[in-house]
C-alpha atoms as a PDB file:
ATOM      1  CA  MET A   1      88.266 -76.458  17.853  1.00  0.00           C
ATOM      2  CA  ARG A   2      91.163 -78.774  18.552  1.00  0.00           C
ATOM      3  CA  ARG A   3      92.293 -76.600  21.528  1.00  0.00           C
ATOM      4  CA  THR A   4      88.818 -76.798  23.027  1.00  0.00           C
ATOM      5  CA  ILE A   5      88.802 -80.602  22.862  1.00  0.00           C
ATOM      6  CA  VAL A   6      92.289 -80.861  24.397  1.00  0.00           C
ATOM      7  CA  GLY A   7      91.295 -78.382  27.134  1.00  0.00           C
ATOM      8  CA  LEU A   8      88.168 -80.366  27.978  1.00  0.00           C
ATOM      9  CA  ALA A   9      90.157 -83.615  28.098  1.00  0.00           C
ATOM     10  CA  VAL A  10      92.709 -82.105  30.522  1.00  0.00           C
ATOM     11  CA  LEU A  11      89.921 -80.678  32.683  1.00  0.00           C
ATOM     12  CA  ALA A  12      88.136 -84.052  32.815  1.00  0.00           C
ATOM     13  CA  ALA A  13      91.384 -85.796  33.833  1.00  0.00           C
ATOM     14  CA  LEU A  14      91.943 -83.282  36.653  1.00  0.00           C
ATOM     15  CA  VAL A  15      88.387 -83.750  37.951  1.00  0.00           C
ATOM     16  CA  LEU A  16      88.796 -87.529  38.000  1.00  0.00           C
ATOM     17  CA  LEU A  17      92.154 -87.342  39.800  1.00  0.00           C
ATOM     18  CA  ALA A  18      90.869 -84.860  42.368  1.00  0.00           C
ATOM     19  CA  GLY A  19      87.865 -87.046  43.201  1.00  0.00           C
ATOM     20  CA  THR A  20      89.893 -90.144  44.137  1.00  0.00           C
ATOM     21  CA  PRO A  21      91.585 -90.230  47.552  1.00  0.00           C
ATOM     22  CA  GLY A  22      95.354 -90.571  47.571  1.00  0.00           C
ATOM     23  CA  PRO A  23      97.073 -93.731  48.829  1.00  0.00           C
ATOM     24  CA  GLY A  24      97.827 -92.361  52.328  1.00  0.00           C
ATOM     25  CA  LEU A  25      94.457 -90.694  52.823  1.00  0.00           C
ATOM     26  CA  GLN A  26      92.136 -93.707  52.967  1.00  0.00           C
ATOM     27  CA  ALA A  27      89.087 -93.314  55.219  1.00  0.00           C
ATOM     28  CA  GLY A  28      90.337 -96.006  57.598  1.00  0.00           C
ATOM     29  CA  ALA A  29      93.753 -94.373  57.887  1.00  0.00           C
ATOM     30  CA  GLN A  30      92.214 -91.027  58.797  1.00  0.00           C
ATOM     31  CA  GLU A  31      90.116 -92.548  61.596  1.00  0.00           C
ATOM     32  CA  ALA A  32      93.140 -94.395  62.974  1.00  0.00           C
ATOM     33  CA  ALA A  33      95.137 -91.149  63.094  1.00  0.00           C
ATOM     34  CA  LEU A  34      92.351 -89.363  64.982  1.00  0.00           C
ATOM     35  CA  ASP A  35      92.062 -92.194  67.559  1.00  0.00           C
ATOM     36  CA  GLY A  36      95.643 -91.530  68.712  1.00  0.00           C
ATOM     37  CA  LEU A  37      94.850 -87.920  69.731  1.00  0.00           C
ATOM     38  CA  ASP A  38      93.790 -87.158  73.297  1.00  0.00           C
ATOM     39  CA  ALA A  39      91.433 -84.155  73.427  1.00  0.00           C
ATOM     40  CA  SER A  40      91.858 -83.718  77.204  1.00  0.00           C
ATOM     41  CA  LYS A  41      95.554 -82.759  76.915  1.00  0.00           C
ATOM     42  CA  PRO A  42      96.354 -79.219  75.691  1.00  0.00           C
ATOM     43  CA  ALA A  43      98.506 -78.951  72.603  1.00  0.00           C
ATOM     44  CA  LEU A  44     102.045 -77.719  73.350  1.00  0.00           C
ATOM     45  CA  TYR A  45     104.209 -75.729  70.991  1.00  0.00           C
ATOM     46  CA  ASN A  46     107.874 -76.659  70.742  1.00  0.00           C
ATOM     47  CA  PRO A  47     109.731 -73.867  68.945  1.00  0.00           C
ATOM     48  CA  GLY A  48     113.004 -75.790  68.697  1.00  0.00           C
ATOM     49  CA  SER A  49     115.618 -73.282  67.569  1.00  0.00           C
ATOM     50  CA  ARG A  50     113.027 -70.961  66.021  1.00  0.00           C
ATOM     51  CA  ARG A  51     111.551 -67.822  67.556  1.00  0.00           C
ATOM     52  CA  ASP A  52     108.211 -68.430  69.287  1.00  0.00           C
ATOM     53  CA  PRO A  53     105.609 -66.571  67.177  1.00  0.00           C
ATOM     54  CA  PHE A  54     103.168 -66.489  70.106  1.00  0.00           C
ATOM     55  CA  LYS A  55     105.525 -64.709  72.508  1.00  0.00           C
ATOM     56  CA  ASP A  56     104.846 -61.003  73.124  1.00  0.00           C
ATOM     57  CA  LEU A  57     107.896 -59.139  71.803  1.00  0.00           C
ATOM     58  CA  LEU A  58     107.179 -56.047  73.917  1.00  0.00           C
ATOM     59  CA  ALA A  59     106.550 -57.830  77.219  1.00  0.00           C
ATOM     60  CA  GLY A  60     108.334 -56.154  80.103  1.00  0.00           C
ATOM     61  CA  LYS A  61     109.631 -53.260  78.038  1.00  0.00           C
ATOM     62  CA  GLU A  62     108.495 -49.659  78.010  1.00  0.00           C
ATOM     63  CA  PHE A  63     107.360 -48.895  74.469  1.00  0.00           C
ATOM     64  CA  LYS A  64     107.177 -45.313  73.216  1.00  0.00           C
ATOM     65  CA  GLU A  65     106.330 -44.421  69.670  1.00  0.00           C
ATOM     66  CA  ARG A  66     109.147 -42.216  68.478  1.00  0.00           C
ATOM     67  CA  ALA A  67     107.721 -40.662  65.362  1.00  0.00           C
ATOM     68  CA  GLY A  68     104.934 -38.173  65.775  1.00  0.00           C
ATOM     69  CA  SER A  69     104.571 -38.433  69.529  1.00  0.00           C
ATOM     70  CA  GLY A  70     104.291 -34.636  69.780  1.00  0.00           C
ATOM     71  CA  GLU A  71     106.476 -34.220  72.855  1.00  0.00           C
ATOM     72  CA  ILE A  72     107.881 -30.765  73.618  1.00  0.00           C
ATOM     73  CA  SER A  73     111.436 -32.125  73.594  1.00  0.00           C
ATOM     74  CA  GLU A  74     111.090 -33.000  69.876  1.00  0.00           C
ATOM     75  CA  LEU A  75     110.131 -29.476  68.721  1.00  0.00           C
ATOM     76  CA  ALA A  76     112.642 -27.087  67.198  1.00  0.00           C
ATOM     77  CA  ILE A  77     112.944 -23.542  68.554  1.00  0.00           C
ATOM     78  CA  ASP A  78     112.516 -22.046  65.069  1.00  0.00           C
ATOM     79  CA  ASP A  79     109.079 -23.698  64.745  1.00  0.00           C
ATOM     80  CA  LEU A  80     107.699 -22.069  67.913  1.00  0.00           C
ATOM     81  CA  VAL A  81     105.665 -18.834  67.989  1.00  0.00           C
ATOM     82  CA  LEU A  82     105.300 -16.806  71.178  1.00  0.00           C
ATOM     83  CA  LYS A  83     101.586 -16.284  71.888  1.00  0.00           C
ATOM     84  CA  GLY A  84     101.746 -14.794  75.361  1.00  0.00           C
ATOM     85  CA  ILE A  85     103.340 -14.700  78.812  1.00  0.00           C
ATOM     86  CA  VAL A  86     101.336 -15.209  82.019  1.00  0.00           C
ATOM     87  CA  ARG A  87     102.337 -14.591  85.633  1.00  0.00           C
ATOM     88  CA  HIS A  88     100.723 -16.952  88.157  1.00  0.00           C
ATOM     89  CA  ARG A  89     101.741 -17.011  91.843  1.00  0.00           C
ATOM     90  CA  GLY A  90     104.924 -15.150  91.041  1.00  0.00           C
ATOM     91  CA  LYS A  91     106.076 -17.578  88.312  1.00  0.00           C
ATOM     92  CA  LEU A  92     106.151 -16.694  84.638  1.00  0.00           C
ATOM     93  CA  THR A  93     104.739 -19.132  82.098  1.00  0.00           C
ATOM     94  CA  ALA A  94     105.163 -18.663  78.362  1.00  0.00           C
ATOM     95  CA  ILE A  95     102.416 -19.725  75.971  1.00  0.00           C
ATOM     96  CA  LEU A  96     103.938 -20.933  72.710  1.00  0.00           C
ATOM     97  CA  GLY A  97     102.251 -22.072  69.524  1.00  0.00           C
ATOM     98  CA  GLY A  98     103.658 -25.254  68.051  1.00  0.00           C
ATOM     99  CA  PRO A  99     103.893 -26.213  64.374  1.00  0.00           C
ATOM    100  CA  GLN A 100     100.272 -27.401  64.347  1.00  0.00           C
ATOM    101  CA  GLY A 101      98.995 -24.405  66.312  1.00  0.00           C
ATOM    102  CA  PHE A 102      98.407 -26.187  69.626  1.00  0.00           C
ATOM    103  CA  PRO A 103      99.347 -24.130  72.713  1.00  0.00           C
ATOM    104  CA  LEU A 104     102.295 -25.171  74.843  1.00  0.00           C
ATOM    105  CA  PHE A 105     102.804 -23.886  78.391  1.00  0.00           C
ATOM    106  CA  VAL A 106     106.519 -23.743  79.236  1.00  0.00           C
ATOM    107  CA  HIS A 107     108.780 -22.444  82.015  1.00  0.00           C
ATOM    108  CA  THR A 108     112.450 -21.535  82.338  1.00  0.00           C
ATOM    109  CA  GLY A 109     114.623 -24.583  81.627  1.00  0.00           C
ATOM    110  CA  THR A 110     112.153 -26.408  79.358  1.00  0.00           C
ATOM    111  CA  ARG A 111     114.181 -28.425  76.822  1.00  0.00           C
ATOM    112  CA  PHE A 112     113.521 -28.609  73.099  1.00  0.00           C
ATOM    113  CA  ALA A 113     115.170 -30.609  70.302  1.00  0.00           C
ATOM    114  CA  ASP A 114     117.812 -27.960  69.659  1.00  0.00           C
ATOM    115  CA  GLY A 115     117.987 -25.970  72.907  1.00  0.00           C
ATOM    116  CA  TYR A 116     116.139 -24.764  75.991  1.00  0.00           C
ATOM    117  CA  ILE A 117     114.512 -21.682  77.542  1.00  0.00           C
ATOM    118  CA  LEU A 118     117.185 -19.557  79.183  1.00  0.00           C
ATOM    119  CA  SER A 119     114.971 -16.859  80.725  1.00  0.00           C
ATOM    120  CA  LEU A 120     111.470 -15.380  80.804  1.00  0.00           C
ATOM    121  CA  THR A 121     110.478 -11.757  81.372  1.00  0.00           C
ATOM    122  CA  ASP A 122     107.126  -9.992  81.102  1.00  0.00           C
ATOM    123  CA  THR A 123     107.673  -9.205  77.418  1.00  0.00           C
ATOM    124  CA  GLN A 124     110.173 -11.722  76.042  1.00  0.00           C
ATOM    125  CA  VAL A 125     111.435 -15.287  76.067  1.00  0.00           C
ATOM    126  CA  VAL A 126     115.131 -16.012  75.578  1.00  0.00           C
ATOM    127  CA  PHE A 127     115.962 -19.388  74.020  1.00  0.00           C
ATOM    128  CA  ARG A 128     119.478 -20.830  74.049  1.00  0.00           C
ATOM    129  CA  LYS A 129     120.062 -22.775  70.829  1.00  0.00           C
ATOM    130  CA  ILE A 130     122.797 -25.402  71.320  1.00  0.00           C
ATOM    131  CA  SER A 131     122.451 -27.484  68.147  1.00  0.00           C
ATOM    132  CA  VAL A 132     121.288 -27.310  64.539  1.00  0.00           C
ATOM    133  CA  ARG A 133     119.725 -30.434  63.029  1.00  0.00           C
ATOM    134  CA  GLY A 134     121.407 -32.594  65.671  1.00  0.00           C
ATOM    135  CA  MET A 135     124.891 -31.127  65.221  1.00  0.00           C
ATOM    136  CA  PRO A 136     126.149 -29.195  68.284  1.00  0.00           C
ATOM    137  CA  LEU A 137     127.063 -25.530  67.801  1.00  0.00           C
ATOM    138  CA  MET A 138     130.548 -24.296  68.687  1.00  0.00           C
ATOM    139  CA  ARG A 139     129.029 -21.268  70.447  1.00  0.00           C
ATOM    140  CA  PRO A 140     125.416 -21.389  71.654  1.00  0.00           C
ATOM    141  CA  LYS A 141     123.089 -18.786  70.102  1.00  0.00           C
ATOM    142  CA  ASP A 142     120.544 -16.836  72.122  1.00  0.00           C
ATOM    143  CA  ILE A 143     117.257 -16.303  70.298  1.00  0.00           C
ATOM    144  CA  VAL A 144     114.891 -13.674  71.694  1.00  0.00           C
ATOM    145  CA  LYS A 145     111.170 -13.810  70.932  1.00  0.00           C
ATOM    146  CA  GLU A 146     109.220 -10.752  72.096  1.00  0.00           C
ATOM    147  CA  ILE A 147     105.597  -9.756  72.470  1.00  0.00           C
ATOM    148  CA  VAL A 148     104.962  -6.479  70.680  1.00  0.00           C
ATOM    149  CA  ALA A 149     102.967  -3.865  72.637  1.00  0.00           C
ATOM    150  CA  GLU A 150     100.123  -4.132  70.083  1.00  0.00           C
ATOM    151  CA  GLU A 151      99.759  -7.850  70.719  1.00  0.00           C
ATOM    152  CA  ARG A 152      99.409  -7.590  74.513  1.00  0.00           C
END
């Protein structure tokens, strides 16, 4: 019971204090402060020695999202599956399946994260692996992926 009375007394004191304007916030003082402002002039921001929060940080720079962009150059050779090889106008094109199953159309010399395509024939693709997880290999490894006769 005593806590309730003390709580109500504190609440009443806070309500009374909140209702009265402070010494610097008199109604006349507020109107005088507003009279000094000129609405026709735009407001300017002076950052001083701080960074301007309204400045575009990427202005004038080419921005590419690194993670998850899905570029061919970020795929590892071990994650690729040979789906087929097509000859068009005398040039061979390999159709590879990426990690998510999307088809990739590649030619000789196409670079990947850990190597490149060394050669294409009618039945196989030869990859030259030059690194493993970013570390260069002492001797490059050739990886051959073939199309089995049943799959043609």
